[in-house]
């Protein structure tokens, strides 16, 4: 059984920074992709950023240049450094993992990030 545990989000002022982390635990032997999605009220869940096992990254256009995704393979952990936050970044952020062994897709429970003055 695989579990994803995300760090707490929080309330941040516009222009501020926040770092999210997500640790995968359980019987995982090979992780392919780790990433972050977000869902604002009344909207669909969208990709924010993802990183492959070879450290190839993809970002949503809206966060390019502001957010940075990284991973620590030894700790099965993925990070999302969010800088120059905007009110439109307010959403529930979900950690996502695609595992090769065992094969599967997993989601974290979500963490609220609110950007407001």
C-alpha atoms as a PDB file:
ATOM      1  CA  UNK A   1       0.000   0.000   0.000  1.00  0.00           C
ATOM      2  CA  UNK A   2       1.333   3.392  -0.999  1.00  0.00           C
ATOM      3  CA  UNK A   3       0.677   6.603   0.889  1.00  0.00           C
ATOM      4  CA  UNK A   4       1.503  10.168  -0.015  1.00  0.00           C
ATOM      5  CA  UNK A   5       1.798  12.638   2.832  1.00  0.00           C
ATOM      6  CA  UNK A   6       1.943  16.308   1.971  1.00  0.00           C
ATOM      7  CA  UNK A   7       3.233  19.127   4.098  1.00  0.00           C
ATOM      8  CA  UNK A   8       0.848  21.777   5.293  1.00  0.00           C
ATOM      9  CA  UNK A   9       0.070  24.638   2.982  1.00  0.00           C
ATOM     10  CA  UNK A  10      -0.951  27.921   4.442  1.00  0.00           C
ATOM     11  CA  UNK A  11      -1.835  31.543   4.000  1.00  0.00           C
ATOM     12  CA  UNK A  12       0.735  33.612   2.143  1.00  0.00           C
ATOM     13  CA  UNK A  13       0.717  37.215   1.074  1.00  0.00           C
ATOM     14  CA  UNK A  14       0.989  38.032  -2.611  1.00  0.00           C
ATOM     15  CA  UNK A  15       4.617  38.034  -3.646  1.00  0.00           C
ATOM     16  CA  UNK A  16       5.527  35.618  -0.899  1.00  0.00           C
ATOM     17  CA  UNK A  17       6.978  32.132  -1.044  1.00  0.00           C
ATOM     18  CA  UNK A  18       6.003  28.698   0.181  1.00  0.00           C
ATOM     19  CA  UNK A  19       7.548  25.262  -0.112  1.00  0.00           C
ATOM     20  CA  UNK A  20       5.473  22.120  -0.280  1.00  0.00           C
ATOM     21  CA  UNK A  21       6.805  18.628   0.207  1.00  0.00           C
ATOM     22  CA  UNK A  22       5.331  15.200  -0.328  1.00  0.00           C
ATOM     23  CA  UNK A  23       6.717  11.939   0.994  1.00  0.00           C
ATOM     24  CA  UNK A  24       5.766   8.605  -0.505  1.00  0.00           C
ATOM     25  CA  UNK A  25       5.776   5.645   1.834  1.00  0.00           C
ATOM     26  CA  UNK A  26       4.851   2.016   1.627  1.00  0.00           C
ATOM     27  CA  UNK A  27       5.904  -0.731  -0.716  1.00  0.00           C
ATOM     28  CA  UNK A  28       7.401   1.345  -3.491  1.00  0.00           C
ATOM     29  CA  UNK A  29      10.379   0.030  -5.378  1.00  0.00           C
ATOM     30  CA  UNK A  30      10.422   2.181  -8.481  1.00  0.00           C
ATOM     31  CA  UNK A  31       8.858   5.600  -8.992  1.00  0.00           C
ATOM     32  CA  UNK A  32       8.518   7.069 -12.458  1.00  0.00           C
ATOM     33  CA  UNK A  33       6.896  10.455 -12.169  1.00  0.00           C
ATOM     34  CA  UNK A  34       6.157  12.674  -9.192  1.00  0.00           C
ATOM     35  CA  UNK A  35       4.260  15.881  -9.464  1.00  0.00           C
ATOM     36  CA  UNK A  36       1.827  18.450  -8.193  1.00  0.00           C
ATOM     37  CA  UNK A  37      -1.658  19.320  -9.344  1.00  0.00           C
ATOM     38  CA  UNK A  38      -3.988  21.979  -8.024  1.00  0.00           C
ATOM     39  CA  UNK A  39      -7.701  22.566  -7.955  1.00  0.00           C
ATOM     40  CA  UNK A  40      -9.351  25.894  -7.302  1.00  0.00           C
ATOM     41  CA  UNK A  41     -13.019  26.080  -6.248  1.00  0.00           C
ATOM     42  CA  UNK A  42     -15.312  25.353  -9.167  1.00  0.00           C
ATOM     43  CA  UNK A  43     -12.442  24.414 -11.457  1.00  0.00           C
ATOM     44  CA  UNK A  44     -10.881  21.195 -12.644  1.00  0.00           C
ATOM     45  CA  UNK A  45      -7.709  19.734 -11.240  1.00  0.00           C
ATOM     46  CA  UNK A  46      -4.778  20.874 -13.357  1.00  0.00           C
ATOM     47  CA  UNK A  47      -1.119  19.981 -13.571  1.00  0.00           C
ATOM     48  CA  UNK A  48       1.234  22.425 -11.878  1.00  0.00           C
ATOM     49  CA  UNK A  49       4.556  20.653 -12.349  1.00  0.00           C
ATOM     50  CA  UNK A  50       5.985  17.165 -12.649  1.00  0.00           C
ATOM     51  CA  UNK A  51       9.401  15.573 -12.609  1.00  0.00           C
ATOM     52  CA  UNK A  52      10.482  12.239 -13.984  1.00  0.00           C
ATOM     53  CA  UNK A  53      12.968   9.763 -12.582  1.00  0.00           C
ATOM     54  CA  UNK A  54      15.594  11.293 -14.881  1.00  0.00           C
ATOM     55  CA  UNK A  55      14.789  14.775 -13.522  1.00  0.00           C
ATOM     56  CA  UNK A  56      13.038  15.965 -16.648  1.00  0.00           C
ATOM     57  CA  UNK A  57      10.495  18.608 -15.655  1.00  0.00           C
ATOM     58  CA  UNK A  58       7.285  20.098 -17.004  1.00  0.00           C
ATOM     59  CA  UNK A  59       5.484  23.180 -15.741  1.00  0.00           C
ATOM     60  CA  UNK A  60       2.157  24.798 -16.360  1.00  0.00           C
ATOM     61  CA  UNK A  61       2.645  28.038 -18.273  1.00  0.00           C
ATOM     62  CA  UNK A  62       1.103  29.997 -15.417  1.00  0.00           C
ATOM     63  CA  UNK A  63       3.865  28.979 -12.984  1.00  0.00           C
ATOM     64  CA  UNK A  64       6.928  28.916 -15.204  1.00  0.00           C
ATOM     65  CA  UNK A  65       9.707  31.050 -13.773  1.00  0.00           C
ATOM     66  CA  UNK A  66       8.038  31.169 -10.352  1.00  0.00           C
ATOM     67  CA  UNK A  67       7.728  27.553  -9.222  1.00  0.00           C
ATOM     68  CA  UNK A  68      10.443  24.911  -9.075  1.00  0.00           C
ATOM     69  CA  UNK A  69       9.893  21.203  -8.655  1.00  0.00           C
ATOM     70  CA  UNK A  70      12.576  18.886  -7.353  1.00  0.00           C
ATOM     71  CA  UNK A  71      12.826  15.397  -5.934  1.00  0.00           C
ATOM     72  CA  UNK A  72      14.928  13.349  -3.569  1.00  0.00           C
ATOM     73  CA  UNK A  73      14.830   9.807  -4.865  1.00  0.00           C
ATOM     74  CA  UNK A  74      16.509   8.391  -1.785  1.00  0.00           C
ATOM     75  CA  UNK A  75      13.719   9.759   0.375  1.00  0.00           C
ATOM     76  CA  UNK A  76      10.868   9.265  -2.152  1.00  0.00           C
ATOM     77  CA  UNK A  77      10.113  12.935  -1.711  1.00  0.00           C
ATOM     78  CA  UNK A  78       9.050  15.630  -4.112  1.00  0.00           C
ATOM     79  CA  UNK A  79       9.183  19.352  -3.400  1.00  0.00           C
ATOM     80  CA  UNK A  80       7.471  22.368  -4.896  1.00  0.00           C
ATOM     81  CA  UNK A  81       9.114  25.716  -4.248  1.00  0.00           C
ATOM     82  CA  UNK A  82       6.620  28.455  -4.987  1.00  0.00           C
ATOM     83  CA  UNK A  83       7.891  32.009  -5.311  1.00  0.00           C
ATOM     84  CA  UNK A  84       6.214  35.299  -6.247  1.00  0.00           C
ATOM     85  CA  UNK A  85       2.867  33.824  -5.343  1.00  0.00           C
ATOM     86  CA  UNK A  86      -0.273  35.379  -6.770  1.00  0.00           C
ATOM     87  CA  UNK A  87      -3.897  35.286  -5.580  1.00  0.00           C
ATOM     88  CA  UNK A  88      -4.700  33.090  -8.582  1.00  0.00           C
ATOM     89  CA  UNK A  89      -2.374  30.442  -7.170  1.00  0.00           C
ATOM     90  CA  UNK A  90      -4.912  29.857  -4.414  1.00  0.00           C
ATOM     91  CA  UNK A  91      -6.035  26.239  -4.607  1.00  0.00           C
ATOM     92  CA  UNK A  92      -5.825  22.835  -3.028  1.00  0.00           C
ATOM     93  CA  UNK A  93      -2.514  21.320  -4.092  1.00  0.00           C
ATOM     94  CA  UNK A  94      -2.308  17.571  -4.613  1.00  0.00           C
ATOM     95  CA  UNK A  95       0.779  15.427  -4.766  1.00  0.00           C
ATOM     96  CA  UNK A  96       0.753  12.822  -7.535  1.00  0.00           C
ATOM     97  CA  UNK A  97       2.891   9.779  -8.150  1.00  0.00           C
ATOM     98  CA  UNK A  98       3.167   7.251 -10.940  1.00  0.00           C
ATOM     99  CA  UNK A  99       4.833   4.076  -9.762  1.00  0.00           C
ATOM    100  CA  UNK A 100       6.438   1.473 -11.970  1.00  0.00           C
ATOM    101  CA  UNK A 101       6.909  -1.154  -9.299  1.00  0.00           C
ATOM    102  CA  UNK A 102       4.271  -1.764  -8.183  1.00  0.00           C
ATOM    103  CA  UNK A 103       2.415  -0.201 -11.117  1.00  0.00           C
ATOM    104  CA  UNK A 104      -0.085   2.413 -10.100  1.00  0.00           C
ATOM    105  CA  UNK A 105      -1.119   6.035  -9.757  1.00  0.00           C
ATOM    106  CA  UNK A 106      -1.492   7.640  -6.367  1.00  0.00           C
ATOM    107  CA  UNK A 107      -2.738  10.925  -4.941  1.00  0.00           C
ATOM    108  CA  UNK A 108      -2.097  12.799  -1.745  1.00  0.00           C
ATOM    109  CA  UNK A 109      -4.919  14.114   0.401  1.00  0.00           C
ATOM    110  CA  UNK A 110      -4.407  17.696  -0.736  1.00  0.00           C
ATOM    111  CA  UNK A 111      -3.186  20.778   1.058  1.00  0.00           C
ATOM    112  CA  UNK A 112      -4.709  24.246   0.926  1.00  0.00           C
ATOM    113  CA  UNK A 113      -2.625  27.158  -0.285  1.00  0.00           C
ATOM    114  CA  UNK A 114      -4.217  30.583   0.007  1.00  0.00           C
ATOM    115  CA  UNK A 115      -2.573  33.696  -1.373  1.00  0.00           C
ATOM    116  CA  UNK A 116      -4.194  36.791   0.026  1.00  0.00           C
ATOM    117  CA  UNK A 117      -3.362  40.044   1.732  1.00  0.00           C
END
